[in-house]
Amino acid sequence: MDTQTIGCVKAATKILGDKWTPQILRFFVNERSVRFCQVQDLVDGINPRTLSARLDSLEKEGIIVKTATTSENRCEYSLTEKGEALLPILKDMDAWSRQYEPVSA
């Protein structure tokens, strides 16, 4: 790999390189928008503070946008154009994981 390629990988891993972010983003593959409680219920074992921090980080990176709903104190998150560009990467990660997932003994 040349230095330019390594720089590109660094940019992607800055966003996707932690344990929770890819798991959070995978819900946007099938849903146009999700609520905090939906993500918390579906991402097994995530602490609400951690989830909030990851969502804030994704918002600051321009991956998702947070919008208030008509319900009191509720909001929804949806992907931006930049976030939608990550979907093929997440789908490829899923396909790779399914192919090479270790078989439980």
PDB file of N, CA and C in Angstrom:
ATOM      1  N   MET A   1       0.832  -1.186   0.000  1.00  0.00           N
ATOM      2  CA  MET A   1       0.000   0.000   0.000  1.00  0.00           C
ATOM      3  C   MET A   1       0.871   1.242   0.000  1.00  0.00           C
ATOM      4  N   ASP A   2       0.462   2.204  -0.776  1.00  0.00           N
ATOM      5  CA  ASP A   2       1.205   3.452  -0.765  1.00  0.00           C
ATOM      6  C   ASP A   2       0.710   4.351   0.373  1.00  0.00           C
ATOM      7  N   THR A   3       1.424   5.437   0.617  1.00  0.00           N
ATOM      8  CA  THR A   3       1.076   6.338   1.722  1.00  0.00           C
ATOM      9  C   THR A   3      -0.299   6.962   1.553  1.00  0.00           C
ATOM     10  N   GLN A   4      -0.707   7.243   0.340  1.00  0.00           N
ATOM     11  CA  GLN A   4      -2.013   7.845   0.107  1.00  0.00           C
ATOM     12  C   GLN A   4      -3.125   6.877   0.525  1.00  0.00           C
ATOM     13  N   THR A   5      -2.966   5.594   0.207  1.00  0.00           N
ATOM     14  CA  THR A   5      -3.956   4.592   0.588  1.00  0.00           C
ATOM     15  C   THR A   5      -4.042   4.471   2.099  1.00  0.00           C
ATOM     16  N   ILE A   6      -2.905   4.485   2.773  1.00  0.00           N
ATOM     17  CA  ILE A   6      -2.885   4.387   4.231  1.00  0.00           C
ATOM     18  C   ILE A   6      -3.622   5.575   4.846  1.00  0.00           C
ATOM     19  N   GLY A   7      -3.447   6.757   4.288  1.00  0.00           N
ATOM     20  CA  GLY A   7      -4.154   7.938   4.773  1.00  0.00           C
ATOM     21  C   GLY A   7      -5.660   7.781   4.647  1.00  0.00           C
ATOM     22  N   CYS A   8      -6.103   7.178   3.561  1.00  0.00           N
ATOM     23  CA  CYS A   8      -7.536   6.947   3.361  1.00  0.00           C
ATOM     24  C   CYS A   8      -8.070   5.952   4.378  1.00  0.00           C
ATOM     25  N   VAL A   9      -7.312   4.928   4.664  1.00  0.00           N
ATOM     26  CA  VAL A   9      -7.735   3.943   5.656  1.00  0.00           C
ATOM     27  C   VAL A   9      -7.823   4.595   7.032  1.00  0.00           C
ATOM     28  N   LYS A  10      -6.901   5.489   7.334  1.00  0.00           N
ATOM     29  CA  LYS A  10      -6.945   6.189   8.618  1.00  0.00           C
ATOM     30  C   LYS A  10      -8.221   7.000   8.759  1.00  0.00           C
ATOM     31  N   ALA A  11      -8.648   7.658   7.709  1.00  0.00           N
ATOM     32  CA  ALA A  11      -9.872   8.468   7.760  1.00  0.00           C
ATOM     33  C   ALA A  11     -11.083   7.581   8.034  1.00  0.00           C
ATOM     34  N   ALA A  12     -11.160   6.438   7.393  1.00  0.00           N
ATOM     35  CA  ALA A  12     -12.299   5.530   7.600  1.00  0.00           C
ATOM     36  C   ALA A  12     -12.275   4.914   8.987  1.00  0.00           C
ATOM     37  N   THR A  13     -11.097   4.495   9.445  1.00  0.00           N
ATOM     38  CA  THR A  13     -11.030   3.883  10.767  1.00  0.00           C
ATOM     39  C   THR A  13     -11.238   4.897  11.879  1.00  0.00           C
ATOM     40  N   LYS A  14     -10.994   6.158  11.594  1.00  0.00           N
ATOM     41  CA  LYS A  14     -11.287   7.191  12.592  1.00  0.00           C
ATOM     42  C   LYS A  14     -12.781   7.177  12.915  1.00  0.00           C
ATOM     43  N   ILE A  15     -13.607   6.909  11.923  1.00  0.00           N
ATOM     44  CA  ILE A  15     -15.056   6.879  12.109  1.00  0.00           C
ATOM     45  C   ILE A  15     -15.541   5.484  12.495  1.00  0.00           C
ATOM     46  N   LEU A  16     -15.070   4.459  11.811  1.00  0.00           N
ATOM     47  CA  LEU A  16     -15.595   3.104  11.992  1.00  0.00           C
ATOM     48  C   LEU A  16     -14.758   2.218  12.906  1.00  0.00           C
ATOM     49  N   GLY A  17     -13.671   2.737  13.447  1.00  0.00           N
ATOM     50  CA  GLY A  17     -12.707   1.894  14.120  1.00  0.00           C
ATOM     51  C   GLY A  17     -12.971   1.509  15.555  1.00  0.00           C
ATOM     52  N   ASP A  18     -14.098   1.882  16.133  1.00  0.00           N
ATOM     53  CA  ASP A  18     -14.355   1.439  17.497  1.00  0.00           C
ATOM     54  C   ASP A  18     -15.346   0.280  17.497  1.00  0.00           C
ATOM     55  N   LYS A  19     -15.584  -0.262  18.642  1.00  0.00           N
ATOM     56  CA  LYS A  19     -16.446  -1.445  18.778  1.00  0.00           C
ATOM     57  C   LYS A  19     -17.902  -1.175  18.422  1.00  0.00           C
ATOM     58  N   TRP A  20     -18.412  -0.006  18.758  1.00  0.00           N
ATOM     59  CA  TRP A  20     -19.848   0.241  18.671  1.00  0.00           C
ATOM     60  C   TRP A  20     -20.330   0.900  17.384  1.00  0.00           C
ATOM     61  N   THR A  21     -19.546   1.757  16.788  1.00  0.00           N
ATOM     62  CA  THR A  21     -20.031   2.561  15.671  1.00  0.00           C
ATOM     63  C   THR A  21     -20.563   1.739  14.496  1.00  0.00           C
ATOM     64  N   PRO A  22     -19.853   0.727  14.023  1.00  0.00           N
ATOM     65  CA  PRO A  22     -20.432  -0.072  12.929  1.00  0.00           C
ATOM     66  C   PRO A  22     -21.743  -0.753  13.330  1.00  0.00           C
ATOM     67  N   GLN A  23     -21.838  -1.168  14.584  1.00  0.00           N
ATOM     68  CA  GLN A  23     -23.072  -1.803  15.050  1.00  0.00           C
ATOM     69  C   GLN A  23     -24.229  -0.815  15.089  1.00  0.00           C
ATOM     70  N   ILE A  24     -23.931   0.429  15.424  1.00  0.00           N
ATOM     71  CA  ILE A  24     -24.953   1.476  15.428  1.00  0.00           C
ATOM     72  C   ILE A  24     -25.382   1.785  14.000  1.00  0.00           C
ATOM     73  N   LEU A  25     -24.428   1.968  13.123  1.00  0.00           N
ATOM     74  CA  LEU A  25     -24.727   2.365  11.745  1.00  0.00           C
ATOM     75  C   LEU A  25     -25.461   1.291  10.951  1.00  0.00           C
ATOM     76  N   ARG A  26     -25.328   0.050  11.336  1.00  0.00           N
ATOM     77  CA  ARG A  26     -25.964  -1.031  10.563  1.00  0.00           C
ATOM     78  C   ARG A  26     -27.484  -0.912  10.546  1.00  0.00           C
ATOM     79  N   PHE A  27     -28.066  -0.230  11.528  1.00  0.00           N
ATOM     80  CA  PHE A  27     -29.520  -0.076  11.551  1.00  0.00           C
ATOM     81  C   PHE A  27     -30.022   0.848  10.464  1.00  0.00           C
ATOM     82  N   PHE A  28     -29.135   1.694   9.950  1.00  0.00           N
ATOM     83  CA  PHE A  28     -29.517   2.616   8.891  1.00  0.00           C
ATOM     84  C   PHE A  28     -29.554   1.943   7.519  1.00  0.00           C
ATOM     85  N   VAL A  29     -29.073   0.714   7.434  1.00  0.00           N
ATOM     86  CA  VAL A  29     -29.109  -0.006   6.163  1.00  0.00           C
ATOM     87  C   VAL A  29     -30.565  -0.228   5.742  1.00  0.00           C
ATOM     88  N   ASN A  30     -31.420  -0.548   6.714  1.00  0.00           N
ATOM     89  CA  ASN A  30     -32.832  -0.848   6.408  1.00  0.00           C
ATOM     90  C   ASN A  30     -33.798   0.245   6.851  1.00  0.00           C
ATOM     91  N   GLU A  31     -33.361   1.153   7.689  1.00  0.00           N
ATOM     92  CA  GLU A  31     -34.239   2.196   8.219  1.00  0.00           C
ATOM     93  C   GLU A  31     -33.740   3.569   7.787  1.00  0.00           C
ATOM     94  N   ARG A  32     -34.672   4.430   7.405  1.00  0.00           N
ATOM     95  CA  ARG A  32     -34.285   5.792   7.009  1.00  0.00           C
ATOM     96  C   ARG A  32     -33.933   6.637   8.233  1.00  0.00           C
ATOM     97  N   SER A  33     -34.613   6.385   9.342  1.00  0.00           N
ATOM     98  CA  SER A  33     -34.296   7.093  10.579  1.00  0.00           C
ATOM     99  C   SER A  33     -34.536   6.162  11.763  1.00  0.00           C
ATOM    100  N   VAL A  34     -33.811   6.404  12.833  1.00  0.00           N
ATOM    101  CA  VAL A  34     -33.943   5.587  14.047  1.00  0.00           C
ATOM    102  C   VAL A  34     -33.946   6.501  15.266  1.00  0.00           C
ATOM    103  N   ARG A  35     -34.595   6.040  16.300  1.00  0.00           N
ATOM    104  CA  ARG A  35     -34.619   6.761  17.563  1.00  0.00           C
ATOM    105  C   ARG A  35     -33.584   6.163  18.499  1.00  0.00           C
ATOM    106  N   PHE A  36     -33.155   6.956  19.462  1.00  0.00           N
ATOM    107  CA  PHE A  36     -32.159   6.538  20.439  1.00  0.00           C
ATOM    108  C   PHE A  36     -32.553   5.214  21.084  1.00  0.00           C
ATOM    109  N   CYS A  37     -33.794   5.132  21.557  1.00  0.00           N
ATOM    110  CA  CYS A  37     -34.234   3.921  22.267  1.00  0.00           C
ATOM    111  C   CYS A  37     -34.226   2.695  21.352  1.00  0.00           C
ATOM    112  N   GLN A  38     -34.504   2.873  20.060  1.00  0.00           N
ATOM    113  CA  GLN A  38     -34.445   1.754  19.118  1.00  0.00           C
ATOM    114  C   GLN A  38     -33.019   1.212  19.034  1.00  0.00           C
ATOM    115  N   VAL A  39     -32.067   2.109  18.887  1.00  0.00           N
ATOM    116  CA  VAL A  39     -30.671   1.685  18.772  1.00  0.00           C
ATOM    117  C   VAL A  39     -30.228   1.017  20.061  1.00  0.00           C
ATOM    118  N   GLN A  40     -30.568   1.617  21.191  1.00  0.00           N
ATOM    119  CA  GLN A  40     -30.175   1.053  22.482  1.00  0.00           C
ATOM    120  C   GLN A  40     -30.730  -0.364  22.656  1.00  0.00           C
ATOM    121  N   ASP A  41     -31.975  -0.586  22.246  1.00  0.00           N
ATOM    122  CA  ASP A  41     -32.578  -1.917  22.353  1.00  0.00           C
ATOM    123  C   ASP A  41     -31.900  -2.930  21.435  1.00  0.00           C
ATOM    124  N   LEU A  42     -31.447  -2.481  20.263  1.00  0.00           N
ATOM    125  CA  LEU A  42     -30.905  -3.392  19.267  1.00  0.00           C
ATOM    126  C   LEU A  42     -29.403  -3.644  19.382  1.00  0.00           C
ATOM    127  N   VAL A  43     -28.673  -2.694  19.952  1.00  0.00           N
ATOM    128  CA  VAL A  43     -27.228  -2.887  20.133  1.00  0.00           C
ATOM    129  C   VAL A  43     -27.037  -3.476  21.527  1.00  0.00           C
ATOM    130  N   ASP A  44     -26.875  -4.756  21.565  1.00  0.00           N
ATOM    131  CA  ASP A  44     -26.795  -5.486  22.825  1.00  0.00           C
ATOM    132  C   ASP A  44     -25.593  -5.062  23.658  1.00  0.00           C
ATOM    133  N   GLY A  45     -25.853  -4.631  24.878  1.00  0.00           N
ATOM    134  CA  GLY A  45     -24.782  -4.352  25.819  1.00  0.00           C
ATOM    135  C   GLY A  45     -24.205  -2.952  25.792  1.00  0.00           C
ATOM    136  N   ILE A  46     -24.747  -2.048  25.001  1.00  0.00           N
ATOM    137  CA  ILE A  46     -24.186  -0.704  24.952  1.00  0.00           C
ATOM    138  C   ILE A  46     -24.758   0.140  26.089  1.00  0.00           C
ATOM    139  N   ASN A  47     -23.874   0.830  26.759  1.00  0.00           N
ATOM    140  CA  ASN A  47     -24.251   1.750  27.821  1.00  0.00           C
ATOM    141  C   ASN A  47     -24.881   2.989  27.196  1.00  0.00           C
ATOM    142  N   PRO A  48     -25.941   3.541  27.781  1.00  0.00           N
ATOM    143  CA  PRO A  48     -26.575   4.733  27.200  1.00  0.00           C
ATOM    144  C   PRO A  48     -25.611   5.909  27.011  1.00  0.00           C
ATOM    145  N   ARG A  49     -24.679   6.071  27.929  1.00  0.00           N
ATOM    146  CA  ARG A  49     -23.685   7.149  27.777  1.00  0.00           C
ATOM    147  C   ARG A  49     -22.787   6.919  26.574  1.00  0.00           C
ATOM    148  N   THR A  50     -22.385   5.679  26.392  1.00  0.00           N
ATOM    149  CA  THR A  50     -21.549   5.334  25.243  1.00  0.00           C
ATOM    150  C   THR A  50     -22.317   5.565  23.946  1.00  0.00           C
ATOM    151  N   LEU A  51     -23.567   5.133  23.919  1.00  0.00           N
ATOM    152  CA  LEU A  51     -24.397   5.334  22.733  1.00  0.00           C
ATOM    153  C   LEU A  51     -24.539   6.815  22.428  1.00  0.00           C
ATOM    154  N   SER A  52     -24.818   7.594  23.441  1.00  0.00           N
ATOM    155  CA  SER A  52     -24.965   9.040  23.257  1.00  0.00           C
ATOM    156  C   SER A  52     -23.680   9.660  22.719  1.00  0.00           C
ATOM    157  N   ALA A  53     -22.549   9.239  23.263  1.00  0.00           N
ATOM    158  CA  ALA A  53     -21.253   9.763  22.807  1.00  0.00           C
ATOM    159  C   ALA A  53     -20.984   9.384  21.354  1.00  0.00           C
ATOM    160  N   ARG A  54     -21.299   8.130  20.974  1.00  0.00           N
ATOM    161  CA  ARG A  54     -21.076   7.690  19.589  1.00  0.00           C
ATOM    162  C   ARG A  54     -21.989   8.448  18.626  1.00  0.00           C
ATOM    163  N   LEU A  55     -23.249   8.641  19.004  1.00  0.00           N
ATOM    164  CA  LEU A  55     -24.164   9.388  18.150  1.00  0.00           C
ATOM    165  C   LEU A  55     -23.709  10.836  18.004  1.00  0.00           C
ATOM    166  N   ASP A  56     -23.249  11.440  19.087  1.00  0.00           N
ATOM    167  CA  ASP A  56     -22.721  12.813  19.021  1.00  0.00           C
ATOM    168  C   ASP A  56     -21.522  12.886  18.089  1.00  0.00           C
ATOM    169  N   SER A  57     -20.640  11.898  18.198  1.00  0.00           N
ATOM    170  CA  SER A  57     -19.452  11.860  17.350  1.00  0.00           C
ATOM    171  C   SER A  57     -19.825  11.715  15.877  1.00  0.00           C
ATOM    172  N   LEU A  58     -20.776  10.839  15.586  1.00  0.00           N
ATOM    173  CA  LEU A  58     -21.226  10.653  14.202  1.00  0.00           C
ATOM    174  C   LEU A  58     -21.877  11.919  13.663  1.00  0.00           C
ATOM    175  N   GLU A  59     -22.574  12.625  14.529  1.00  0.00           N
ATOM    176  CA  GLU A  59     -23.185  13.890  14.115  1.00  0.00           C
ATOM    177  C   GLU A  59     -22.116  14.941  13.816  1.00  0.00           C
ATOM    178  N   LYS A  60     -21.101  15.017  14.663  1.00  0.00           N
ATOM    179  CA  LYS A  60     -20.004  15.978  14.445  1.00  0.00           C
ATOM    180  C   LYS A  60     -19.219  15.666  13.178  1.00  0.00           C
ATOM    181  N   GLU A  61     -19.123  14.383  12.843  1.00  0.00           N
ATOM    182  CA  GLU A  61     -18.412  13.964  11.631  1.00  0.00           C
ATOM    183  C   GLU A  61     -19.247  14.168  10.370  1.00  0.00           C
ATOM    184  N   GLY A  62     -20.527  14.518  10.545  1.00  0.00           N
ATOM    185  CA  GLY A  62     -21.395  14.719   9.395  1.00  0.00           C
ATOM    186  C   GLY A  62     -21.940  13.430   8.812  1.00  0.00           C
ATOM    187  N   ILE A  63     -21.952  12.359   9.612  1.00  0.00           N
ATOM    188  CA  ILE A  63     -22.433  11.056   9.157  1.00  0.00           C
ATOM    189  C   ILE A  63     -23.943  10.940   9.367  1.00  0.00           C
ATOM    190  N   ILE A  64     -24.422  11.471  10.487  1.00  0.00           N
ATOM    191  CA  ILE A  64     -25.848  11.452  10.786  1.00  0.00           C
ATOM    192  C   ILE A  64     -26.305  12.864  11.122  1.00  0.00           C
ATOM    193  N   VAL A  65     -27.614  13.046  11.095  1.00  0.00           N
ATOM    194  CA  VAL A  65     -28.211  14.312  11.497  1.00  0.00           C
ATOM    195  C   VAL A  65     -29.309  13.983  12.514  1.00  0.00           C
ATOM    196  N   LYS A  66     -29.375  14.783  13.548  1.00  0.00           N
ATOM    197  CA  LYS A  66     -30.357  14.606  14.618  1.00  0.00           C
ATOM    198  C   LYS A  66     -31.483  15.609  14.415  1.00  0.00           C
ATOM    199  N   THR A  67     -32.729  15.130  14.420  1.00  0.00           N
ATOM    200  CA  THR A  67     -33.866  16.031  14.267  1.00  0.00           C
ATOM    201  C   THR A  67     -34.895  15.748  15.357  1.00  0.00           C
ATOM    202  N   ALA A  68     -35.501  16.808  15.850  1.00  0.00           N
ATOM    203  CA  ALA A  68     -36.545  16.672  16.863  1.00  0.00           C
ATOM    204  C   ALA A  68     -37.806  16.126  16.208  1.00  0.00           C
ATOM    205  N   THR A  69     -38.531  15.325  16.955  1.00  0.00           N
ATOM    206  CA  THR A  69     -39.806  14.800  16.466  1.00  0.00           C
ATOM    207  C   THR A  69     -40.940  15.559  17.137  1.00  0.00           C
ATOM    208  N   THR A  70     -42.136  15.242  16.740  1.00  0.00           N
ATOM    209  CA  THR A  70     -43.293  15.911  17.333  1.00  0.00           C
ATOM    210  C   THR A  70     -43.524  15.458  18.767  1.00  0.00           C
ATOM    211  N   SER A  71     -43.012  14.281  19.133  1.00  0.00           N
ATOM    212  CA  SER A  71     -43.137  13.800  20.506  1.00  0.00           C
ATOM    213  C   SER A  71     -42.233  14.611  21.425  1.00  0.00           C
ATOM    214  N   GLU A  72     -42.675  14.795  22.634  1.00  0.00           N
ATOM    215  CA  GLU A  72     -41.931  15.589  23.611  1.00  0.00           C
ATOM    216  C   GLU A  72     -40.574  14.950  23.923  1.00  0.00           C
ATOM    217  N   ASN A  73     -39.545  15.748  23.852  1.00  0.00           N
ATOM    218  CA  ASN A  73     -38.172  15.330  24.174  1.00  0.00           C
ATOM    219  C   ASN A  73     -37.698  14.100  23.396  1.00  0.00           C
ATOM    220  N   ARG A  74     -38.147  13.934  22.199  1.00  0.00           N
ATOM    221  CA  ARG A  74     -37.723  12.808  21.366  1.00  0.00           C
ATOM    222  C   ARG A  74     -37.005  13.342  20.136  1.00  0.00           C
ATOM    223  N   CYS A  75     -36.106  12.520  19.631  1.00  0.00           N
ATOM    224  CA  CYS A  75     -35.426  12.899  18.395  1.00  0.00           C
ATOM    225  C   CYS A  75     -35.169  11.643  17.583  1.00  0.00           C
ATOM    226  N   GLU A  76     -34.889  11.857  16.324  1.00  0.00           N
ATOM    227  CA  GLU A  76     -34.545  10.774  15.411  1.00  0.00           C
ATOM    228  C   GLU A  76     -33.211  11.096  14.756  1.00  0.00           C
ATOM    229  N   TYR A  77     -32.529  10.062  14.371  1.00  0.00           N
ATOM    230  CA  TYR A  77     -31.262  10.197  13.676  1.00  0.00           C
ATOM    231  C   TYR A  77     -31.420   9.623  12.282  1.00  0.00           C
ATOM    232  N   SER A  78     -30.869  10.308  11.314  1.00  0.00           N
ATOM    233  CA  SER A  78     -30.880   9.788   9.948  1.00  0.00           C
ATOM    234  C   SER A  78     -29.519  10.054   9.311  1.00  0.00           C
ATOM    235  N   LEU A  79     -29.232   9.289   8.278  1.00  0.00           N
ATOM    236  CA  LEU A  79     -27.945   9.427   7.599  1.00  0.00           C
ATOM    237  C   LEU A  79     -27.927  10.659   6.703  1.00  0.00           C
ATOM    238  N   THR A  80     -26.773  11.268   6.640  1.00  0.00           N
ATOM    239  CA  THR A  80     -26.531  12.327   5.664  1.00  0.00           C
ATOM    240  C   THR A  80     -26.042  11.653   4.388  1.00  0.00           C
ATOM    241  N   GLU A  81     -25.785  12.439   3.379  1.00  0.00           N
ATOM    242  CA  GLU A  81     -25.214  11.891   2.137  1.00  0.00           C
ATOM    243  C   GLU A  81     -23.875  11.221   2.433  1.00  0.00           C
ATOM    244  N   LYS A  82     -23.090  11.844   3.281  1.00  0.00           N
ATOM    245  CA  LYS A  82     -21.789  11.278   3.676  1.00  0.00           C
ATOM    246  C   LYS A  82     -21.997   9.939   4.394  1.00  0.00           C
ATOM    247  N   GLY A  83     -23.011   9.865   5.237  1.00  0.00           N
ATOM    248  CA  GLY A  83     -23.315   8.626   5.948  1.00  0.00           C
ATOM    249  C   GLY A  83     -23.795   7.533   5.013  1.00  0.00           C
ATOM    250  N   GLU A  84     -24.629   7.912   4.050  1.00  0.00           N
ATOM    251  CA  GLU A  84     -25.120   6.924   3.082  1.00  0.00           C
ATOM    252  C   GLU A  84     -23.982   6.329   2.263  1.00  0.00           C
ATOM    253  N   ALA A  85     -22.932   7.096   2.071  1.00  0.00           N
ATOM    254  CA  ALA A  85     -21.767   6.592   1.332  1.00  0.00           C
ATOM    255  C   ALA A  85     -21.041   5.489   2.106  1.00  0.00           C
ATOM    256  N   LEU A  86     -21.287   5.385   3.417  1.00  0.00           N
ATOM    257  CA  LEU A  86     -20.675   4.322   4.224  1.00  0.00           C
ATOM    258  C   LEU A  86     -21.421   2.994   4.109  1.00  0.00           C
ATOM    259  N   LEU A  87     -22.657   3.025   3.635  1.00  0.00           N
ATOM    260  CA  LEU A  87     -23.464   1.805   3.603  1.00  0.00           C
ATOM    261  C   LEU A  87     -22.831   0.664   2.805  1.00  0.00           C
ATOM    262  N   PRO A  88     -22.253   0.911   1.620  1.00  0.00           N
ATOM    263  CA  PRO A  88     -21.594  -0.206   0.920  1.00  0.00           C
ATOM    264  C   PRO A  88     -20.443  -0.812   1.733  1.00  0.00           C
ATOM    265  N   ILE A  89     -19.732   0.010   2.483  1.00  0.00           N
ATOM    266  CA  ILE A  89     -18.639  -0.504   3.321  1.00  0.00           C
ATOM    267  C   ILE A  89     -19.207  -1.409   4.411  1.00  0.00           C
ATOM    268  N   LEU A  90     -20.293  -0.958   5.055  1.00  0.00           N
ATOM    269  CA  LEU A  90     -20.915  -1.765   6.103  1.00  0.00           C
ATOM    270  C   LEU A  90     -21.458  -3.079   5.542  1.00  0.00           C
ATOM    271  N   LYS A  91     -22.039  -3.026   4.354  1.00  0.00           N
ATOM    272  CA  LYS A  91     -22.547  -4.246   3.724  1.00  0.00           C
ATOM    273  C   LYS A  91     -21.402  -5.203   3.403  1.00  0.00           C
ATOM    274  N   ASP A  92     -20.274  -4.665   2.941  1.00  0.00           N
ATOM    275  CA  ASP A  92     -19.105  -5.501   2.672  1.00  0.00           C
ATOM    276  C   ASP A  92     -18.558  -6.104   3.969  1.00  0.00           C
ATOM    277  N   MET A  93     -18.543  -5.329   5.046  1.00  0.00           N
ATOM    278  CA  MET A  93     -18.099  -5.845   6.346  1.00  0.00           C
ATOM    279  C   MET A  93     -19.009  -6.988   6.793  1.00  0.00           C
ATOM    280  N   ASP A  94     -20.311  -6.832   6.582  1.00  0.00           N
ATOM    281  CA  ASP A  94     -21.268  -7.868   6.943  1.00  0.00           C
ATOM    282  C   ASP A  94     -21.021  -9.134   6.126  1.00  0.00           C
ATOM    283  N   ALA A  95     -20.852  -8.980   4.827  1.00  0.00           N
ATOM    284  CA  ALA A  95     -20.606 -10.139   3.959  1.00  0.00           C
ATOM    285  C   ALA A  95     -19.316 -10.854   4.351  1.00  0.00           C
ATOM    286  N   TRP A  96     -18.275 -10.090   4.634  1.00  0.00           N
ATOM    287  CA  TRP A  96     -17.001 -10.681   5.045  1.00  0.00           C
ATOM    288  C   TRP A  96     -17.171 -11.433   6.359  1.00  0.00           C
ATOM    289  N   SER A  97     -17.880 -10.820   7.304  1.00  0.00           N
ATOM    290  CA  SER A  97     -18.094 -11.452   8.613  1.00  0.00           C
ATOM    291  C   SER A  97     -18.867 -12.754   8.480  1.00  0.00           C
ATOM    292  N   ARG A  98     -19.887 -12.744   7.625  1.00  0.00           N
ATOM    293  CA  ARG A  98     -20.682 -13.965   7.429  1.00  0.00           C
ATOM    294  C   ARG A  98     -19.838 -15.079   6.806  1.00  0.00           C
ATOM    295  N   GLN A  99     -18.957 -14.704   5.893  1.00  0.00           N
ATOM    296  CA  GLN A  99     -18.126 -15.713   5.218  1.00  0.00           C
ATOM    297  C   GLN A  99     -17.057 -16.280   6.127  1.00  0.00           C
ATOM    298  N   TYR A 100     -16.462 -15.420   6.961  1.00  0.00           N
ATOM    299  CA  TYR A 100     -15.300 -15.848   7.736  1.00  0.00           C
ATOM    300  C   TYR A 100     -15.538 -15.921   9.233  1.00  0.00           C
ATOM    301  N   GLU A 101     -16.810 -15.787   9.655  1.00  0.00           N
ATOM    302  CA  GLU A 101     -17.112 -15.873  11.078  1.00  0.00           C
ATOM    303  C   GLU A 101     -16.665 -17.214  11.604  1.00  0.00           C
ATOM    304  N   PRO A 102     -15.954 -17.208  12.741  1.00  0.00           N
ATOM    305  CA  PRO A 102     -15.506 -18.488  13.301  1.00  0.00           C
ATOM    306  C   PRO A 102     -16.705 -19.368  13.662  1.00  0.00           C
ATOM    307  N   VAL A 103     -16.567 -20.644  13.405  1.00  0.00           N
ATOM    308  CA  VAL A 103     -17.614 -21.608  13.735  1.00  0.00           C
ATOM    309  C   VAL A 103     -17.503 -21.925  15.219  1.00  0.00           C
ATOM    310  N   SER A 104     -18.642 -21.802  15.932  1.00  0.00           N
ATOM    311  CA  SER A 104     -18.653 -22.118  17.355  1.00  0.00           C
ATOM    312  C   SER A 104     -18.501 -23.622  17.543  1.00  0.00           C
ATOM    313  N   ALA A 105     -17.720 -23.963  18.543  1.00  0.00           N
ATOM    314  CA  ALA A 105     -17.504 -25.405  18.818  1.00  0.00           C
ATOM    315  C   ALA A 105     -18.481 -25.929  19.813  1.00  0.00           C
TER     316      ALA A 105
END
